């Protein structure tokens, strides 16, 4: 839990909105609204710590939960599928990975793109595919070094 790792007061002290080390949000590429909202997120955590039942039944909690679910299921899955297709195309043209692995990528990408709503386990295909590509690239790199 969050309270086991750090005190709420420490989180407020370390927020991005008032940097103590001279780092400004605009210098690290954060928009101004992100820097302002850090304190609000800490406030949500603090509210949950004091009254968990009231927080769970609030409309804000349900909105945030559905927004995060949508971001995870829509955008992340779609970006992973596009990455798989692009990397598979690069693998076929350059030979950085075996052809069969690129074909597996082209097969799994549409399932991830269109079937992520219906097949819940398909999300695991992306990290497994990336691990296979990485293993093949590292294996070829070590064979070439020796």
C-alpha atoms as a PDB file:
ATOM      1  CA  UNK A   1       0.000   0.000   0.000  1.00  0.00           C
ATOM      2  CA  UNK A   2       1.014   3.562  -0.517  1.00  0.00           C
ATOM      3  CA  UNK A   3       0.993   4.456   3.153  1.00  0.00           C
ATOM      4  CA  UNK A   4       3.488   1.681   3.848  1.00  0.00           C
ATOM      5  CA  UNK A   5       5.971   3.184   1.406  1.00  0.00           C
ATOM      6  CA  UNK A   6       5.720   6.873   2.189  1.00  0.00           C
ATOM      7  CA  UNK A   7       3.858   9.292   4.362  1.00  0.00           C
ATOM      8  CA  UNK A   8       1.234  11.512   2.692  1.00  0.00           C
ATOM      9  CA  UNK A   9       3.066  14.581   3.958  1.00  0.00           C
ATOM     10  CA  UNK A  10       6.219  13.378   2.232  1.00  0.00           C
ATOM     11  CA  UNK A  11       4.295  12.923  -1.015  1.00  0.00           C
ATOM     12  CA  UNK A  12       2.947  16.452  -0.793  1.00  0.00           C
ATOM     13  CA  UNK A  13       6.427  17.751  -0.053  1.00  0.00           C
ATOM     14  CA  UNK A  14       7.846  15.956  -3.103  1.00  0.00           C
ATOM     15  CA  UNK A  15       5.147  17.067  -5.536  1.00  0.00           C
ATOM     16  CA  UNK A  16       6.140  18.492  -8.885  1.00  0.00           C
ATOM     17  CA  UNK A  17       4.173  21.710  -8.428  1.00  0.00           C
ATOM     18  CA  UNK A  18       6.716  23.198  -6.019  1.00  0.00           C
ATOM     19  CA  UNK A  19      10.080  21.731  -6.891  1.00  0.00           C
ATOM     20  CA  UNK A  20      12.763  22.164  -4.250  1.00  0.00           C
ATOM     21  CA  UNK A  21      15.692  21.220  -6.475  1.00  0.00           C
ATOM     22  CA  UNK A  22      15.221  23.909  -9.100  1.00  0.00           C
ATOM     23  CA  UNK A  23      13.638  21.571 -11.662  1.00  0.00           C
ATOM     24  CA  UNK A  24      10.648  23.255 -13.228  1.00  0.00           C
ATOM     25  CA  UNK A  25       7.855  21.211 -14.837  1.00  0.00           C
ATOM     26  CA  UNK A  26       8.366  22.940 -18.187  1.00  0.00           C
ATOM     27  CA  UNK A  27      12.074  22.010 -18.270  1.00  0.00           C
ATOM     28  CA  UNK A  28      11.311  18.290 -18.086  1.00  0.00           C
ATOM     29  CA  UNK A  29       8.478  18.494 -20.611  1.00  0.00           C
ATOM     30  CA  UNK A  30       5.500  18.287 -18.268  1.00  0.00           C
ATOM     31  CA  UNK A  31       2.538  20.455 -19.165  1.00  0.00           C
ATOM     32  CA  UNK A  32       1.467  22.977 -16.565  1.00  0.00           C
ATOM     33  CA  UNK A  33      -1.823  21.187 -15.863  1.00  0.00           C
ATOM     34  CA  UNK A  34       0.070  18.000 -14.927  1.00  0.00           C
ATOM     35  CA  UNK A  35       2.174  19.878 -12.421  1.00  0.00           C
ATOM     36  CA  UNK A  36      -0.939  21.456 -10.879  1.00  0.00           C
ATOM     37  CA  UNK A  37      -2.864  18.193 -10.688  1.00  0.00           C
ATOM     38  CA  UNK A  38      -0.215  16.259  -8.760  1.00  0.00           C
ATOM     39  CA  UNK A  39      -1.512  17.775  -5.524  1.00  0.00           C
ATOM     40  CA  UNK A  40      -5.059  16.746  -6.446  1.00  0.00           C
ATOM     41  CA  UNK A  41      -3.970  13.131  -6.963  1.00  0.00           C
ATOM     42  CA  UNK A  42      -2.249  13.165  -3.598  1.00  0.00           C
ATOM     43  CA  UNK A  43      -5.503  14.540  -2.174  1.00  0.00           C
ATOM     44  CA  UNK A  44      -7.443  11.624  -3.664  1.00  0.00           C
ATOM     45  CA  UNK A  45      -5.054   9.180  -1.993  1.00  0.00           C
ATOM     46  CA  UNK A  46      -5.365  11.053   1.293  1.00  0.00           C
ATOM     47  CA  UNK A  47      -9.176  11.022   1.017  1.00  0.00           C
ATOM     48  CA  UNK A  48      -9.136   7.286   0.413  1.00  0.00           C
ATOM     49  CA  UNK A  49      -6.930   6.795   3.463  1.00  0.00           C
ATOM     50  CA  UNK A  50      -9.318   8.702   5.732  1.00  0.00           C
ATOM     51  CA  UNK A  51     -12.708   7.520   4.371  1.00  0.00           C
ATOM     52  CA  UNK A  52     -12.355   4.576   1.984  1.00  0.00           C
ATOM     53  CA  UNK A  53     -16.079   3.790   1.794  1.00  0.00           C
ATOM     54  CA  UNK A  54     -17.044   7.348   0.863  1.00  0.00           C
ATOM     55  CA  UNK A  55     -14.324   7.473  -1.801  1.00  0.00           C
ATOM     56  CA  UNK A  56     -15.311   4.190  -3.429  1.00  0.00           C
ATOM     57  CA  UNK A  57     -18.949   5.260  -3.681  1.00  0.00           C
ATOM     58  CA  UNK A  58     -18.152   8.688  -5.153  1.00  0.00           C
ATOM     59  CA  UNK A  59     -18.791   9.627  -8.766  1.00  0.00           C
ATOM     60  CA  UNK A  60     -15.219  10.840  -9.177  1.00  0.00           C
ATOM     61  CA  UNK A  61     -13.871   7.411  -8.277  1.00  0.00           C
ATOM     62  CA  UNK A  62     -16.138   5.691 -10.824  1.00  0.00           C
ATOM     63  CA  UNK A  63     -15.236   8.209 -13.517  1.00  0.00           C
ATOM     64  CA  UNK A  64     -11.501   7.820 -12.880  1.00  0.00           C
ATOM     65  CA  UNK A  65     -11.811   4.037 -12.859  1.00  0.00           C
ATOM     66  CA  UNK A  66     -13.684   3.966 -16.173  1.00  0.00           C
ATOM     67  CA  UNK A  67     -11.255   6.464 -17.718  1.00  0.00           C
ATOM     68  CA  UNK A  68      -8.244   4.345 -16.742  1.00  0.00           C
ATOM     69  CA  UNK A  69      -9.987   1.202 -18.015  1.00  0.00           C
ATOM     70  CA  UNK A  70     -10.689   2.891 -21.344  1.00  0.00           C
ATOM     71  CA  UNK A  71      -7.132   4.139 -21.667  1.00  0.00           C
ATOM     72  CA  UNK A  72      -5.742   0.693 -20.932  1.00  0.00           C
ATOM     73  CA  UNK A  73      -8.115  -1.240 -23.169  1.00  0.00           C
ATOM     74  CA  UNK A  74      -8.390   1.154 -26.075  1.00  0.00           C
ATOM     75  CA  UNK A  75      -5.219   3.150 -26.452  1.00  0.00           C
ATOM     76  CA  UNK A  76      -2.560   0.875 -25.008  1.00  0.00           C
ATOM     77  CA  UNK A  77      -3.787  -2.185 -26.882  1.00  0.00           C
ATOM     78  CA  UNK A  78      -4.037  -0.278 -30.151  1.00  0.00           C
ATOM     79  CA  UNK A  79      -0.566   1.219 -29.772  1.00  0.00           C
ATOM     80  CA  UNK A  80       0.853  -2.222 -28.990  1.00  0.00           C
ATOM     81  CA  UNK A  81      -0.781  -3.665 -32.113  1.00  0.00           C
ATOM     82  CA  UNK A  82       0.580  -0.893 -34.320  1.00  0.00           C
ATOM     83  CA  UNK A  83       4.033  -1.391 -32.796  1.00  0.00           C
ATOM     84  CA  UNK A  84       3.839  -5.128 -33.492  1.00  0.00           C
ATOM     85  CA  UNK A  85       2.901  -4.540 -37.133  1.00  0.00           C
ATOM     86  CA  UNK A  86       5.617  -1.926 -37.669  1.00  0.00           C
ATOM     87  CA  UNK A  87       8.291  -4.020 -35.971  1.00  0.00           C
ATOM     88  CA  UNK A  88       7.237  -7.118 -37.900  1.00  0.00           C
ATOM     89  CA  UNK A  89       7.564  -5.192 -41.146  1.00  0.00           C
ATOM     90  CA  UNK A  90      11.028  -3.977 -40.144  1.00  0.00           C
ATOM     91  CA  UNK A  91      11.977  -7.534 -39.127  1.00  0.00           C
ATOM     92  CA  UNK A  92      10.963  -8.876 -42.535  1.00  0.00           C
ATOM     93  CA  UNK A  93      12.815  -6.191 -44.475  1.00  0.00           C
ATOM     94  CA  UNK A  94      16.005  -6.113 -42.393  1.00  0.00           C
ATOM     95  CA  UNK A  95      16.177  -9.656 -41.053  1.00  0.00           C
ATOM     96  CA  UNK A  96      16.727  -8.615 -37.426  1.00  0.00           C
ATOM     97  CA  UNK A  97      14.405 -11.398 -36.293  1.00  0.00           C
ATOM     98  CA  UNK A  98      13.320 -14.699 -37.855  1.00  0.00           C
ATOM     99  CA  UNK A  99      10.623 -14.526 -40.496  1.00  0.00           C
ATOM    100  CA  UNK A 100       8.331 -16.816 -38.487  1.00  0.00           C
ATOM    101  CA  UNK A 101       8.411 -14.342 -35.597  1.00  0.00           C
ATOM    102  CA  UNK A 102       7.384 -11.502 -37.892  1.00  0.00           C
ATOM    103  CA  UNK A 103       4.510 -13.624 -39.179  1.00  0.00           C
ATOM    104  CA  UNK A 104       3.468 -14.332 -35.575  1.00  0.00           C
ATOM    105  CA  UNK A 105       3.550 -10.564 -34.982  1.00  0.00           C
ATOM    106  CA  UNK A 106       1.350  -9.941 -38.027  1.00  0.00           C
ATOM    107  CA  UNK A 107      -1.045 -12.632 -36.811  1.00  0.00           C
ATOM    108  CA  UNK A 108      -1.288 -11.391 -33.228  1.00  0.00           C
ATOM    109  CA  UNK A 109      -1.527  -7.682 -34.058  1.00  0.00           C
ATOM    110  CA  UNK A 110      -5.056  -7.797 -35.570  1.00  0.00           C
ATOM    111  CA  UNK A 111      -6.201  -9.976 -32.680  1.00  0.00           C
ATOM    112  CA  UNK A 112      -4.860  -7.377 -30.297  1.00  0.00           C
ATOM    113  CA  UNK A 113      -6.285  -4.532 -32.362  1.00  0.00           C
ATOM    114  CA  UNK A 114      -9.794  -5.879 -32.846  1.00  0.00           C
ATOM    115  CA  UNK A 115     -10.168  -8.744 -30.389  1.00  0.00           C
ATOM    116  CA  UNK A 116      -8.933  -7.182 -27.154  1.00  0.00           C
ATOM    117  CA  UNK A 117     -12.508  -6.502 -26.093  1.00  0.00           C
ATOM    118  CA  UNK A 118     -13.535 -10.124 -26.568  1.00  0.00           C
ATOM    119  CA  UNK A 119     -10.364 -12.075 -25.684  1.00  0.00           C
ATOM    120  CA  UNK A 120      -8.944 -10.864 -22.383  1.00  0.00           C
ATOM    121  CA  UNK A 121      -5.770 -12.972 -22.481  1.00  0.00           C
ATOM    122  CA  UNK A 122      -4.676 -11.399 -25.771  1.00  0.00           C
ATOM    123  CA  UNK A 123      -3.048  -8.552 -23.825  1.00  0.00           C
ATOM    124  CA  UNK A 124      -0.342 -10.983 -22.761  1.00  0.00           C
ATOM    125  CA  UNK A 125       0.597 -11.663 -26.367  1.00  0.00           C
ATOM    126  CA  UNK A 126       2.417  -8.332 -26.670  1.00  0.00           C
ATOM    127  CA  UNK A 127       4.943  -8.802 -23.837  1.00  0.00           C
ATOM    128  CA  UNK A 128       5.519 -12.421 -24.859  1.00  0.00           C
ATOM    129  CA  UNK A 129       6.116 -11.380 -28.478  1.00  0.00           C
ATOM    130  CA  UNK A 130       8.491  -8.591 -27.410  1.00  0.00           C
ATOM    131  CA  UNK A 131      10.378 -11.074 -25.226  1.00  0.00           C
ATOM    132  CA  UNK A 132      10.730 -13.460 -28.175  1.00  0.00           C
ATOM    133  CA  UNK A 133      11.974 -10.703 -30.486  1.00  0.00           C
ATOM    134  CA  UNK A 134      14.425  -9.493 -27.843  1.00  0.00           C
ATOM    135  CA  UNK A 135      15.679 -13.027 -27.241  1.00  0.00           C
ATOM    136  CA  UNK A 136      16.270 -13.567 -30.960  1.00  0.00           C
ATOM    137  CA  UNK A 137      18.084 -10.251 -31.326  1.00  0.00           C
ATOM    138  CA  UNK A 138      20.268 -10.906 -28.274  1.00  0.00           C
ATOM    139  CA  UNK A 139      20.994 -14.470 -29.386  1.00  0.00           C
ATOM    140  CA  UNK A 140      22.119 -13.251 -32.798  1.00  0.00           C
ATOM    141  CA  UNK A 141      24.183 -10.507 -31.192  1.00  0.00           C
ATOM    142  CA  UNK A 142      25.993 -12.956 -28.898  1.00  0.00           C
ATOM    143  CA  UNK A 143      26.628 -15.369 -31.785  1.00  0.00           C
ATOM    144  CA  UNK A 144      28.185 -12.572 -33.812  1.00  0.00           C
ATOM    145  CA  UNK A 145      30.399 -11.401 -30.912  1.00  0.00           C
ATOM    146  CA  UNK A 146      32.026 -14.791 -30.354  1.00  0.00           C
END
